[in-house]
Protein backbone atom coordinates (compact mmCIF):
# COMPACT_ATOMS: atom_id res chain seq x y z
CA MET A 1 0.71 37.86 12.02
CA LYS A 2 3.76 40.07 12.33
CA ASN A 3 7.44 39.60 11.97
CA LEU A 4 9.88 39.96 14.91
CA ARG A 5 13.68 39.86 14.90
CA LEU A 6 15.58 38.19 17.70
CA ALA A 7 19.08 39.59 17.10
CA ALA A 8 21.24 37.46 19.38
CA LEU A 9 19.67 34.26 18.00
CA ASN A 10 19.85 35.64 14.49
CA LEU A 11 16.16 34.62 14.00
CA ASP A 12 13.20 36.20 12.27
CA ILE A 13 9.95 34.83 13.60
CA PHE A 14 6.21 35.33 13.09
CA VAL A 15 3.84 35.89 16.00
CA PRO A 16 0.16 36.81 16.34
CA ASP A 17 -0.64 40.53 16.25
CA SER A 18 -1.61 40.30 19.86
CA THR A 19 1.93 39.34 20.96
CA PHE A 20 4.30 42.11 21.89
CA TYR A 21 8.04 41.62 22.36
CA PHE A 22 10.37 44.13 23.99
CA ASP A 23 14.16 43.82 24.39
CA ASP A 24 14.76 46.28 27.20
CA GLY A 25 18.52 45.71 26.97
CA TYR A 26 20.96 46.14 29.85
CA VAL A 27 19.53 47.11 33.26
CA GLU A 28 21.25 47.99 36.53
CA SER A 29 19.06 45.60 38.55
CA LEU A 30 16.85 42.69 37.40
CA ASP A 31 14.65 43.06 40.48
CA VAL A 32 14.11 46.80 40.04
CA HIS A 33 13.25 46.39 36.35
CA THR A 34 10.90 43.49 37.16
CA SER A 35 9.17 45.68 39.77
CA PHE A 36 8.79 48.46 37.24
CA LEU A 37 7.26 46.04 34.67
CA ASP A 38 4.91 44.64 37.43
CA TRP A 39 3.82 48.19 38.17
CA LYS A 40 3.42 49.00 34.45
CA HIS A 41 1.21 45.96 33.90
CA LYS A 42 -0.40 46.27 37.38
CA THR A 43 0.27 42.65 38.14
CA CYS A 44 3.12 40.30 38.97
CA GLY A 45 4.82 38.47 36.14
CA LYS A 46 6.40 35.02 36.37
CA ASP A 47 9.24 35.34 38.89
CA GLU A 48 12.10 33.05 37.74
CA SER A 49 13.80 33.32 41.11
CA GLN A 50 10.94 31.34 42.62
CA ILE A 51 11.30 28.64 39.95
CA ASN A 52 15.04 28.10 40.50
CA PRO A 53 15.92 29.54 43.90
CA GLY A 54 19.62 30.23 44.47
CA TYR A 55 20.39 30.43 40.75
CA ASN A 56 22.70 33.35 39.93
CA TYR A 57 20.64 35.30 37.43
CA ILE A 58 22.24 37.59 34.86
CA GLY A 59 19.13 38.06 32.77
CA ARG A 60 15.41 37.74 32.95
CA THR A 61 12.35 37.24 30.74
CA SER A 62 9.03 38.60 32.02
CA LEU A 63 5.68 37.53 30.61
CA TYR A 64 2.42 39.43 31.15
CA VAL A 65 -0.83 38.25 29.65
CA ASN A 66 -3.97 40.41 29.70
CA PRO A 67 -7.00 41.05 27.45
CA SER A 68 -4.83 43.31 25.26
CA GLY A 69 -2.40 40.55 24.49
CA ARG A 70 0.74 38.78 25.51
CA PHE A 71 3.68 41.04 26.50
CA VAL A 72 7.16 39.49 26.62
CA TYR A 73 10.16 41.43 27.92
CA VAL A 74 13.87 40.42 27.97
CA TYR A 75 16.47 42.31 29.97
CA TYR A 76 19.84 41.48 31.33
CA LEU A 77 22.95 42.54 33.30
CA ARG A 78 26.17 43.41 31.52
CA CYS A 79 28.70 40.58 31.64
CA ASN A 80 32.49 40.82 31.59
CA ASP A 81 32.89 40.33 27.82
CA ALA A 82 30.89 40.73 24.59
CA TRP A 83 30.64 36.93 24.02
CA SER A 84 29.04 36.36 27.41
CA ASP A 85 26.75 39.27 26.84
CA MET A 86 25.58 37.79 23.49
CA ARG A 87 25.09 34.31 24.98
CA ASN A 88 23.13 35.77 27.93
CA ARG A 89 20.93 37.78 25.58
CA ALA A 90 20.31 34.72 23.35
CA HIS A 91 19.46 32.66 26.43
CA GLU A 92 16.79 35.26 27.36
CA GLU A 93 15.56 35.38 23.76
CA THR A 94 15.09 31.63 23.88
CA HIS A 95 12.90 32.00 26.98
CA ALA A 96 10.99 34.74 25.09
CA LEU A 97 10.54 32.33 22.11
CA ASP A 98 9.15 29.78 24.56
CA ASN A 99 6.78 32.37 25.97
CA MET A 100 5.61 33.30 22.45
CA ASP A 101 5.06 29.63 21.49
CA GLY A 102 7.87 29.99 18.90
CA LEU A 103 10.43 27.31 19.75
CA GLU A 104 9.85 25.72 16.32
CA PHE A 105 11.78 28.66 14.80
CA LEU A 106 14.90 27.86 16.82
CA GLN A 107 14.34 24.11 16.32
CA ARG A 108 14.42 24.62 12.49
CA LYS A 109 17.68 26.56 12.82
CA LEU A 110 19.28 23.83 14.88
CA ASP A 111 18.19 21.27 12.30
CA GLU A 112 19.63 23.37 9.50
CA TYR A 113 22.99 23.51 11.31
CA GLY A 114 22.96 19.73 11.70
CA PHE A 115 22.08 19.40 15.36
CA ASP A 116 19.90 16.44 16.25
CA VAL A 117 18.48 17.77 19.49
CA ASN A 118 14.73 18.16 20.20
CA LEU A 119 14.15 21.31 22.26
CA HIS A 120 10.85 19.92 23.57
CA ASP A 121 12.73 17.01 25.22
CA HIS A 122 14.38 19.40 27.67
CA ASP A 123 13.38 21.77 30.50
CA ASP A 124 13.11 25.48 29.85
CA GLU A 125 16.48 26.38 31.35
CA THR A 126 18.31 23.71 29.28
CA ARG A 127 16.52 24.98 26.16
CA ALA A 128 17.50 28.55 26.92
CA CYS A 129 21.17 27.50 27.43
CA ILE A 130 21.02 25.68 24.06
CA GLY A 131 19.81 28.90 22.56
CA GLY A 132 22.70 30.77 24.18
CA TRP A 133 25.25 28.33 22.75
CA PHE A 134 23.52 28.44 19.37
CA SER A 135 24.17 32.19 19.20
CA TYR A 136 27.93 31.41 18.98
CA ILE A 137 27.46 28.73 16.35
CA SER A 138 25.29 31.00 14.13
CA CYS A 139 28.16 33.55 14.18
CA GLY A 140 30.63 30.87 13.08
CA TRP A 141 32.35 30.54 16.43
CA HIS A 142 33.41 27.12 17.74
CA LEU A 143 31.94 25.91 21.03
CA GLU A 144 35.30 24.76 22.30
CA GLU A 145 36.51 28.41 22.45
CA HIS A 146 34.08 29.24 25.32
CA ARG A 147 33.25 27.77 28.75
CA PRO A 148 29.85 27.05 30.29
CA PHE A 149 28.55 29.36 33.08
CA ASN A 150 27.03 26.64 35.36
CA ASP A 151 25.78 23.02 35.47
CA ILE A 152 22.71 23.62 33.30
CA ASP A 153 24.88 25.41 30.75
CA LYS A 154 27.35 22.50 30.79
CA ARG A 155 24.50 20.05 30.08
CA ALA A 156 23.29 22.18 27.15
CA PHE A 157 26.86 22.40 25.84
CA ARG A 158 27.26 18.67 26.02
CA LEU A 159 23.86 18.10 24.32
CA LEU A 160 24.86 20.24 21.42
CA LYS A 161 28.30 18.69 21.07
CA GLU A 162 26.91 15.13 21.19
CA SER A 163 23.94 15.87 18.86
CA GLN A 164 25.96 17.41 16.02
CA ASN A 165 25.80 15.24 12.99
CA ASP A 166 29.20 13.61 12.20
CA SER A 167 29.22 14.97 8.67
CA ASP A 168 28.88 18.58 10.07
CA ARG A 169 31.76 18.43 12.60
CA SER A 170 34.84 20.38 11.79
């Protein structure tokens, strides 16, 4: 097992030695970077645009599995402000956690912060949006200071707000 750091989520996780995580940072084009990774791994990764057609993507997580191991990449477009950049990055890191079978690490953090929400009860996009919002909370920011990007993000925002234990509300 080895230790990985997911900076936007403020999480340290443990994964098998055969799992490789890469945060490729900001890219000019999600499609061009995905094509490069497909070429590098000589295969096609999971294409999120086919899963949710019409969704306005500002980040992507690509997963490649071969006999050498599991390769997980996150990359994203630059947003208009640092807060949105961090939330977008945390969103992609949550997808990466999911691809590395590591959602329990984020679940424990949510529990520690007093949120009664089970990540496994929700689809992958809602979980990723919860991770995005959690990045704000872990920095001490209040959810009310920021606005959701889209309907899935609104649902995740509402789930977090409604699941926060009464004793932990400020």
